[in-house]
Amino acid sequence: MGYSVDRQLDARGLSCPMPSVKTALELESMDIGQVLEILTDDPVSKKDLPVWAESTGNRLLGIEEDGTTIKIFLEKA
């Protein structure tokens, strides 16, 4: 889709809830409006990270799948 990504977090090999925990830590050090791309291979993250983003006020921009890798794009609010 071509998002302008400011940072990338590689959470492949981690299972729930670690991708969400790592995402929260990464977003803490980012500026409002910056975009984080999370790479994960945990299918649960496709549901967990969007729910987590909404509950924390961050914005889900999109989800893409590339083979076994799931790319989740979040904008820091």
PDB file of N, CA and C in Angstrom:
ATOM      1  N   MET A   1       0.818  -1.201   0.000  1.00  0.00           N
ATOM      2  CA  MET A   1       0.000   0.000   0.000  1.00  0.00           C
ATOM      3  C   MET A   1       0.856   1.256   0.000  1.00  0.00           C
ATOM      4  N   GLY A   2       2.066   1.151   0.469  1.00  0.00           N
ATOM      5  CA  GLY A   2       2.982   2.268   0.389  1.00  0.00           C
ATOM      6  C   GLY A   2       2.831   3.301   1.483  1.00  0.00           C
ATOM      7  N   TYR A   3       2.852   2.864   2.718  1.00  0.00           N
ATOM      8  CA  TYR A   3       2.813   3.798   3.835  1.00  0.00           C
ATOM      9  C   TYR A   3       4.193   4.412   4.023  1.00  0.00           C
ATOM     10  N   SER A   4       4.226   5.647   4.476  1.00  0.00           N
ATOM     11  CA  SER A   4       5.494   6.299   4.805  1.00  0.00           C
ATOM     12  C   SER A   4       5.874   5.872   6.224  1.00  0.00           C
ATOM     13  N   VAL A   5       6.753   4.882   6.322  1.00  0.00           N
ATOM     14  CA  VAL A   5       7.092   4.259   7.604  1.00  0.00           C
ATOM     15  C   VAL A   5       8.269   4.988   8.247  1.00  0.00           C
ATOM     16  N   ASP A   6       8.098   5.356   9.524  1.00  0.00           N
ATOM     17  CA  ASP A   6       9.170   6.017  10.268  1.00  0.00           C
ATOM     18  C   ASP A   6      10.055   5.018  11.004  1.00  0.00           C
ATOM     19  N   ARG A   7       9.445   3.925  11.470  1.00  0.00           N
ATOM     20  CA  ARG A   7      10.198   2.877  12.170  1.00  0.00           C
ATOM     21  C   ARG A   7       9.606   1.524  11.858  1.00  0.00           C
ATOM     22  N   GLN A   8      10.466   0.506  12.002  1.00  0.00           N
ATOM     23  CA  GLN A   8      10.014  -0.869  11.795  1.00  0.00           C
ATOM     24  C   GLN A   8      10.367  -1.679  13.035  1.00  0.00           C
ATOM     25  N   LEU A   9       9.421  -2.484  13.477  1.00  0.00           N
ATOM     26  CA  LEU A   9       9.614  -3.370  14.628  1.00  0.00           C
ATOM     27  C   LEU A   9       9.482  -4.803  14.141  1.00  0.00           C
ATOM     28  N   ASP A  10      10.539  -5.583  14.318  1.00  0.00           N
ATOM     29  CA  ASP A  10      10.509  -6.984  13.914  1.00  0.00           C
ATOM     30  C   ASP A  10      10.126  -7.835  15.124  1.00  0.00           C
ATOM     31  N   ALA A  11       8.871  -8.266  15.145  1.00  0.00           N
ATOM     32  CA  ALA A  11       8.366  -9.093  16.247  1.00  0.00           C
ATOM     33  C   ALA A  11       8.143 -10.530  15.797  1.00  0.00           C
ATOM     34  N   ARG A  12       8.772 -10.913  14.683  1.00  0.00           N
ATOM     35  CA  ARG A  12       8.622 -12.284  14.204  1.00  0.00           C
ATOM     36  C   ARG A  12       9.259 -13.240  15.213  1.00  0.00           C
ATOM     37  N   GLY A  13       8.613 -14.378  15.408  1.00  0.00           N
ATOM     38  CA  GLY A  13       9.102 -15.364  16.364  1.00  0.00           C
ATOM     39  C   GLY A  13       8.553 -15.145  17.769  1.00  0.00           C
ATOM     40  N   LEU A  14       7.839 -14.037  17.979  1.00  0.00           N
ATOM     41  CA  LEU A  14       7.248 -13.754  19.289  1.00  0.00           C
ATOM     42  C   LEU A  14       5.765 -14.086  19.238  1.00  0.00           C
ATOM     43  N   SER A  15       5.243 -14.617  20.338  1.00  0.00           N
ATOM     44  CA  SER A  15       3.816 -14.918  20.383  1.00  0.00           C
ATOM     45  C   SER A  15       3.119 -13.984  21.363  1.00  0.00           C
ATOM     46  N   CYS A  16       1.817 -13.910  21.221  1.00  0.00           N
ATOM     47  CA  CYS A  16       0.975 -13.036  22.038  1.00  0.00           C
ATOM     48  C   CYS A  16       1.271 -13.274  23.525  1.00  0.00           C
ATOM     49  N   PRO A  17       1.449 -12.229  24.335  1.00  0.00           N
ATOM     50  CA  PRO A  17       1.191 -10.818  24.049  1.00  0.00           C
ATOM     51  C   PRO A  17       2.439 -10.009  23.676  1.00  0.00           C
ATOM     52  N   MET A  18       3.560 -10.670  23.425  1.00  0.00           N
ATOM     53  CA  MET A  18       4.821  -9.935  23.226  1.00  0.00           C
ATOM     54  C   MET A  18       4.805  -8.943  22.056  1.00  0.00           C
ATOM     55  N   PRO A  19       4.191  -9.249  20.901  1.00  0.00           N
ATOM     56  CA  PRO A  19       4.162  -8.224  19.857  1.00  0.00           C
ATOM     57  C   PRO A  19       3.489  -6.920  20.325  1.00  0.00           C
ATOM     58  N   SER A  20       2.413  -7.029  21.114  1.00  0.00           N
ATOM     59  CA  SER A  20       1.747  -5.833  21.639  1.00  0.00           C
ATOM     60  C   SER A  20       2.625  -5.103  22.645  1.00  0.00           C
ATOM     61  N   VAL A  21       3.303  -5.856  23.498  1.00  0.00           N
ATOM     62  CA  VAL A  21       4.195  -5.253  24.497  1.00  0.00           C
ATOM     63  C   VAL A  21       5.326  -4.506  23.798  1.00  0.00           C
ATOM     64  N   LYS A  22       5.962  -5.151  22.822  1.00  0.00           N
ATOM     65  CA  LYS A  22       7.063  -4.516  22.088  1.00  0.00           C
ATOM     66  C   LYS A  22       6.568  -3.292  21.308  1.00  0.00           C
ATOM     67  N   THR A  23       5.361  -3.388  20.756  1.00  0.00           N
ATOM     68  CA  THR A  23       4.778  -2.258  20.023  1.00  0.00           C
ATOM     69  C   THR A  23       4.575  -1.065  20.955  1.00  0.00           C
ATOM     70  N   ALA A  24       4.029  -1.321  22.139  1.00  0.00           N
ATOM     71  CA  ALA A  24       3.802  -0.244  23.105  1.00  0.00           C
ATOM     72  C   ALA A  24       5.113   0.440  23.473  1.00  0.00           C
ATOM     73  N   LEU A  25       6.152  -0.343  23.716  1.00  0.00           N
ATOM     74  CA  LEU A  25       7.458   0.222  24.074  1.00  0.00           C
ATOM     75  C   LEU A  25       8.038   1.042  22.926  1.00  0.00           C
ATOM     76  N   GLU A  26       7.891   0.558  21.706  1.00  0.00           N
ATOM     77  CA  GLU A  26       8.421   1.260  20.537  1.00  0.00           C
ATOM     78  C   GLU A  26       7.686   2.585  20.323  1.00  0.00           C
ATOM     79  N   LEU A  27       6.365   2.563  20.445  1.00  0.00           N
ATOM     80  CA  LEU A  27       5.577   3.777  20.233  1.00  0.00           C
ATOM     81  C   LEU A  27       5.876   4.855  21.270  1.00  0.00           C
ATOM     82  N   GLU A  28       6.264   4.450  22.484  1.00  0.00           N
ATOM     83  CA  GLU A  28       6.584   5.422  23.537  1.00  0.00           C
ATOM     84  C   GLU A  28       7.676   6.393  23.100  1.00  0.00           C
ATOM     85  N   SER A  29       8.623   5.910  22.315  1.00  0.00           N
ATOM     86  CA  SER A  29       9.757   6.748  21.917  1.00  0.00           C
ATOM     87  C   SER A  29       9.540   7.436  20.569  1.00  0.00           C
ATOM     88  N   MET A  30       8.320   7.332  20.029  1.00  0.00           N
ATOM     89  CA  MET A  30       8.022   7.941  18.733  1.00  0.00           C
ATOM     90  C   MET A  30       7.193   9.210  18.919  1.00  0.00           C
ATOM     91  N   ASP A  31       7.203  10.060  17.899  1.00  0.00           N
ATOM     92  CA  ASP A  31       6.422  11.302  17.924  1.00  0.00           C
ATOM     93  C   ASP A  31       5.015  11.044  17.388  1.00  0.00           C
ATOM     94  N   ILE A  32       4.079  11.869  17.818  1.00  0.00           N
ATOM     95  CA  ILE A  32       2.703  11.790  17.330  1.00  0.00           C
ATOM     96  C   ILE A  32       2.705  11.948  15.810  1.00  0.00           C
ATOM     97  N   GLY A  33       1.948  11.093  15.151  1.00  0.00           N
ATOM     98  CA  GLY A  33       1.844  11.144  13.697  1.00  0.00           C
ATOM     99  C   GLY A  33       2.830  10.245  12.976  1.00  0.00           C
ATOM    100  N   GLN A  34       3.824   9.727  13.701  1.00  0.00           N
ATOM    101  CA  GLN A  34       4.786   8.827  13.062  1.00  0.00           C
ATOM    102  C   GLN A  34       4.149   7.443  12.867  1.00  0.00           C
ATOM    103  N   VAL A  35       4.641   6.735  11.855  1.00  0.00           N
ATOM    104  CA  VAL A  35       4.083   5.429  11.497  1.00  0.00           C
ATOM    105  C   VAL A  35       5.070   4.323  11.858  1.00  0.00           C
ATOM    106  N   LEU A  36       4.543   3.308  12.533  1.00  0.00           N
ATOM    107  CA  LEU A  36       5.318   2.131  12.912  1.00  0.00           C
ATOM    108  C   LEU A  36       4.822   0.942  12.102  1.00  0.00           C
ATOM    109  N   GLU A  37       5.756   0.233  11.482  1.00  0.00           N
ATOM    110  CA  GLU A  37       5.440  -1.012  10.783  1.00  0.00           C
ATOM    111  C   GLU A  37       5.880  -2.160  11.681  1.00  0.00           C
ATOM    112  N   ILE A  38       4.935  -3.020  12.052  1.00  0.00           N
ATOM    113  CA  ILE A  38       5.239  -4.175  12.890  1.00  0.00           C
ATOM    114  C   ILE A  38       5.246  -5.410  11.997  1.00  0.00           C
ATOM    115  N   LEU A  39       6.336  -6.165  12.046  1.00  0.00           N
ATOM    116  CA  LEU A  39       6.434  -7.430  11.326  1.00  0.00           C
ATOM    117  C   LEU A  39       6.203  -8.542  12.336  1.00  0.00           C
ATOM    118  N   THR A  40       5.251  -9.411  12.069  1.00  0.00           N
ATOM    119  CA  THR A  40       4.961 -10.511  12.971  1.00  0.00           C
ATOM    120  C   THR A  40       4.592 -11.752  12.168  1.00  0.00           C
ATOM    121  N   ASP A  41       4.773 -12.905  12.779  1.00  0.00           N
ATOM    122  CA  ASP A  41       4.314 -14.143  12.159  1.00  0.00           C
ATOM    123  C   ASP A  41       3.297 -14.838  13.068  1.00  0.00           C
ATOM    124  N   ASP A  42       2.812 -14.092  14.067  1.00  0.00           N
ATOM    125  CA  ASP A  42       1.805 -14.607  14.994  1.00  0.00           C
ATOM    126  C   ASP A  42       0.422 -14.184  14.492  1.00  0.00           C
ATOM    127  N   PRO A  43      -0.388 -15.138  13.971  1.00  0.00           N
ATOM    128  CA  PRO A  43      -1.695 -14.774  13.416  1.00  0.00           C
ATOM    129  C   PRO A  43      -2.611 -14.073  14.409  1.00  0.00           C
ATOM    130  N   VAL A  44      -2.424 -14.320  15.699  1.00  0.00           N
ATOM    131  CA  VAL A  44      -3.250 -13.677  16.726  1.00  0.00           C
ATOM    132  C   VAL A  44      -3.049 -12.156  16.698  1.00  0.00           C
ATOM    133  N   SER A  45      -1.867 -11.715  16.296  1.00  0.00           N
ATOM    134  CA  SER A  45      -1.566 -10.281  16.258  1.00  0.00           C
ATOM    135  C   SER A  45      -2.471  -9.519  15.296  1.00  0.00           C
ATOM    136  N   LYS A  46      -2.990 -10.202  14.265  1.00  0.00           N
ATOM    137  CA  LYS A  46      -3.890  -9.539  13.310  1.00  0.00           C
ATOM    138  C   LYS A  46      -5.145  -9.032  14.003  1.00  0.00           C
ATOM    139  N   LYS A  47      -5.544  -9.712  15.070  1.00  0.00           N
ATOM    140  CA  LYS A  47      -6.723  -9.271  15.828  1.00  0.00           C
ATOM    141  C   LYS A  47      -6.310  -8.451  17.044  1.00  0.00           C
ATOM    142  N   ASP A  48      -5.263  -8.885  17.738  1.00  0.00           N
ATOM    143  CA  ASP A  48      -4.848  -8.230  18.985  1.00  0.00           C
ATOM    144  C   ASP A  48      -4.326  -6.811  18.782  1.00  0.00           C
ATOM    145  N   LEU A  49      -3.437  -6.613  17.817  1.00  0.00           N
ATOM    146  CA  LEU A  49      -2.834  -5.289  17.653  1.00  0.00           C
ATOM    147  C   LEU A  49      -3.841  -4.219  17.236  1.00  0.00           C
ATOM    148  N   PRO A  50      -4.771  -4.487  16.308  1.00  0.00           N
ATOM    149  CA  PRO A  50      -5.783  -3.470  16.020  1.00  0.00           C
ATOM    150  C   PRO A  50      -6.652  -3.125  17.230  1.00  0.00           C
ATOM    151  N   VAL A  51      -7.039  -4.133  18.018  1.00  0.00           N
ATOM    152  CA  VAL A  51      -7.834  -3.888  19.226  1.00  0.00           C
ATOM    153  C   VAL A  51      -7.022  -3.074  20.223  1.00  0.00           C
ATOM    154  N   TRP A  52      -5.754  -3.446  20.402  1.00  0.00           N
ATOM    155  CA  TRP A  52      -4.872  -2.708  21.311  1.00  0.00           C
ATOM    156  C   TRP A  52      -4.724  -1.262  20.839  1.00  0.00           C
ATOM    157  N   ALA A  53      -4.511  -1.063  19.536  1.00  0.00           N
ATOM    158  CA  ALA A  53      -4.328   0.292  18.999  1.00  0.00           C
ATOM    159  C   ALA A  53      -5.557   1.152  19.279  1.00  0.00           C
ATOM    160  N   GLU A  54      -6.740   0.595  19.033  1.00  0.00           N
ATOM    161  CA  GLU A  54      -7.967   1.355  19.261  1.00  0.00           C
ATOM    162  C   GLU A  54      -8.135   1.701  20.735  1.00  0.00           C
ATOM    163  N   SER A  55      -7.818   0.760  21.617  1.00  0.00           N
ATOM    164  CA  SER A  55      -7.993   0.994  23.059  1.00  0.00           C
ATOM    165  C   SER A  55      -6.985   1.998  23.607  1.00  0.00           C
ATOM    166  N   THR A  56      -5.863   2.187  22.903  1.00  0.00           N
ATOM    167  CA  THR A  56      -4.844   3.134  23.369  1.00  0.00           C
ATOM    168  C   THR A  56      -4.887   4.447  22.593  1.00  0.00           C
ATOM    169  N   GLY A  57      -5.823   4.566  21.645  1.00  0.00           N
ATOM    170  CA  GLY A  57      -5.963   5.807  20.902  1.00  0.00           C
ATOM    171  C   GLY A  57      -5.062   5.916  19.685  1.00  0.00           C
ATOM    172  N   ASN A  58      -4.273   4.893  19.408  1.00  0.00           N
ATOM    173  CA  ASN A  58      -3.434   4.905  18.210  1.00  0.00           C
ATOM    174  C   ASN A  58      -4.282   4.441  17.024  1.00  0.00           C
ATOM    175  N   ARG A  59      -3.799   4.681  15.806  1.00  0.00           N
ATOM    176  CA  ARG A  59      -4.630   4.428  14.633  1.00  0.00           C
ATOM    177  C   ARG A  59      -4.055   3.315  13.773  1.00  0.00           C
ATOM    178  N   LEU A  60      -4.893   2.332  13.476  1.00  0.00           N
ATOM    179  CA  LEU A  60      -4.522   1.262  12.553  1.00  0.00           C
ATOM    180  C   LEU A  60      -4.648   1.803  11.140  1.00  0.00           C
ATOM    181  N   LEU A  61      -3.549   1.760  10.384  1.00  0.00           N
ATOM    182  CA  LEU A  61      -3.569   2.220   8.998  1.00  0.00           C
ATOM    183  C   LEU A  61      -3.852   1.073   8.038  1.00  0.00           C
ATOM    184  N   GLY A  62      -3.345  -0.115   8.367  1.00  0.00           N
ATOM    185  CA  GLY A  62      -3.570  -1.238   7.482  1.00  0.00           C
ATOM    186  C   GLY A  62      -2.827  -2.478   7.917  1.00  0.00           C
ATOM    187  N   ILE A  63      -3.216  -3.584   7.309  1.00  0.00           N
ATOM    188  CA  ILE A  63      -2.577  -4.882   7.543  1.00  0.00           C
ATOM    189  C   ILE A  63      -2.312  -5.509   6.183  1.00  0.00           C
ATOM    190  N   GLU A  64      -1.087  -5.977   5.986  1.00  0.00           N
ATOM    191  CA  GLU A  64      -0.717  -6.664   4.748  1.00  0.00           C
ATOM    192  C   GLU A  64      -0.099  -8.007   5.123  1.00  0.00           C
ATOM    193  N   GLU A  65      -0.292  -8.988   4.275  1.00  0.00           N
ATOM    194  CA  GLU A  65       0.330 -10.288   4.501  1.00  0.00           C
ATOM    195  C   GLU A  65       1.248 -10.605   3.337  1.00  0.00           C
ATOM    196  N   ASP A  66       2.461 -11.033   3.691  1.00  0.00           N
ATOM    197  CA  ASP A  66       3.479 -11.367   2.699  1.00  0.00           C
ATOM    198  C   ASP A  66       4.025 -12.740   3.081  1.00  0.00           C
ATOM    199  N   GLY A  67       3.418 -13.796   2.536  1.00  0.00           N
ATOM    200  CA  GLY A  67       3.808 -15.144   2.943  1.00  0.00           C
ATOM    201  C   GLY A  67       3.393 -15.375   4.383  1.00  0.00           C
ATOM    202  N   THR A  68       4.362 -15.748   5.223  1.00  0.00           N
ATOM    203  CA  THR A  68       4.065 -15.980   6.640  1.00  0.00           C
ATOM    204  C   THR A  68       4.207 -14.709   7.467  1.00  0.00           C
ATOM    205  N   THR A  69       4.726 -13.632   6.868  1.00  0.00           N
ATOM    206  CA  THR A  69       4.912 -12.383   7.599  1.00  0.00           C
ATOM    207  C   THR A  69       3.688 -11.497   7.462  1.00  0.00           C
ATOM    208  N   ILE A  70       3.224 -11.019   8.606  1.00  0.00           N
ATOM    209  CA  ILE A  70       2.097 -10.083   8.662  1.00  0.00           C
ATOM    210  C   ILE A  70       2.681  -8.705   8.982  1.00  0.00           C
ATOM    211  N   LYS A  71       2.324  -7.713   8.165  1.00  0.00           N
ATOM    212  CA  LYS A  71       2.794  -6.342   8.367  1.00  0.00           C
ATOM    213  C   LYS A  71       1.617  -5.521   8.860  1.00  0.00           C
ATOM    214  N   ILE A  72       1.785  -4.914  10.031  1.00  0.00           N
ATOM    215  CA  ILE A  72       0.726  -4.102  10.620  1.00  0.00           C
ATOM    216  C   ILE A  72       1.259  -2.670  10.725  1.00  0.00           C
ATOM    217  N   PHE A  73       0.494  -1.727  10.216  1.00  0.00           N
ATOM    218  CA  PHE A  73       0.913  -0.333  10.191  1.00  0.00           C
ATOM    219  C   PHE A  73       0.069   0.466  11.174  1.00  0.00           C
ATOM    220  N   LEU A  74       0.733   1.110  12.142  1.00  0.00           N
ATOM    221  CA  LEU A  74       0.052   1.919  13.141  1.00  0.00           C
ATOM    222  C   LEU A  74       0.602   3.342  13.117  1.00  0.00           C
ATOM    223  N   GLU A  75      -0.309   4.303  13.334  1.00  0.00           N
ATOM    224  CA  GLU A  75       0.105   5.700  13.465  1.00  0.00           C
ATOM    225  C   GLU A  75      -0.035   6.092  14.929  1.00  0.00           C
ATOM    226  N   LYS A  76       1.019   6.679  15.484  1.00  0.00           N
ATOM    227  CA  LYS A  76       0.980   7.090  16.882  1.00  0.00           C
ATOM    228  C   LYS A  76       0.070   8.293  17.036  1.00  0.00           C
ATOM    229  N   ALA A  77      -0.812   8.215  18.027  1.00  0.00           N
ATOM    230  CA  ALA A  77      -1.744   9.313  18.308  1.00  0.00           C
ATOM    231  C   ALA A  77      -1.260  10.127  19.493  1.00  0.00           C
TER     232      ALA A  77
END
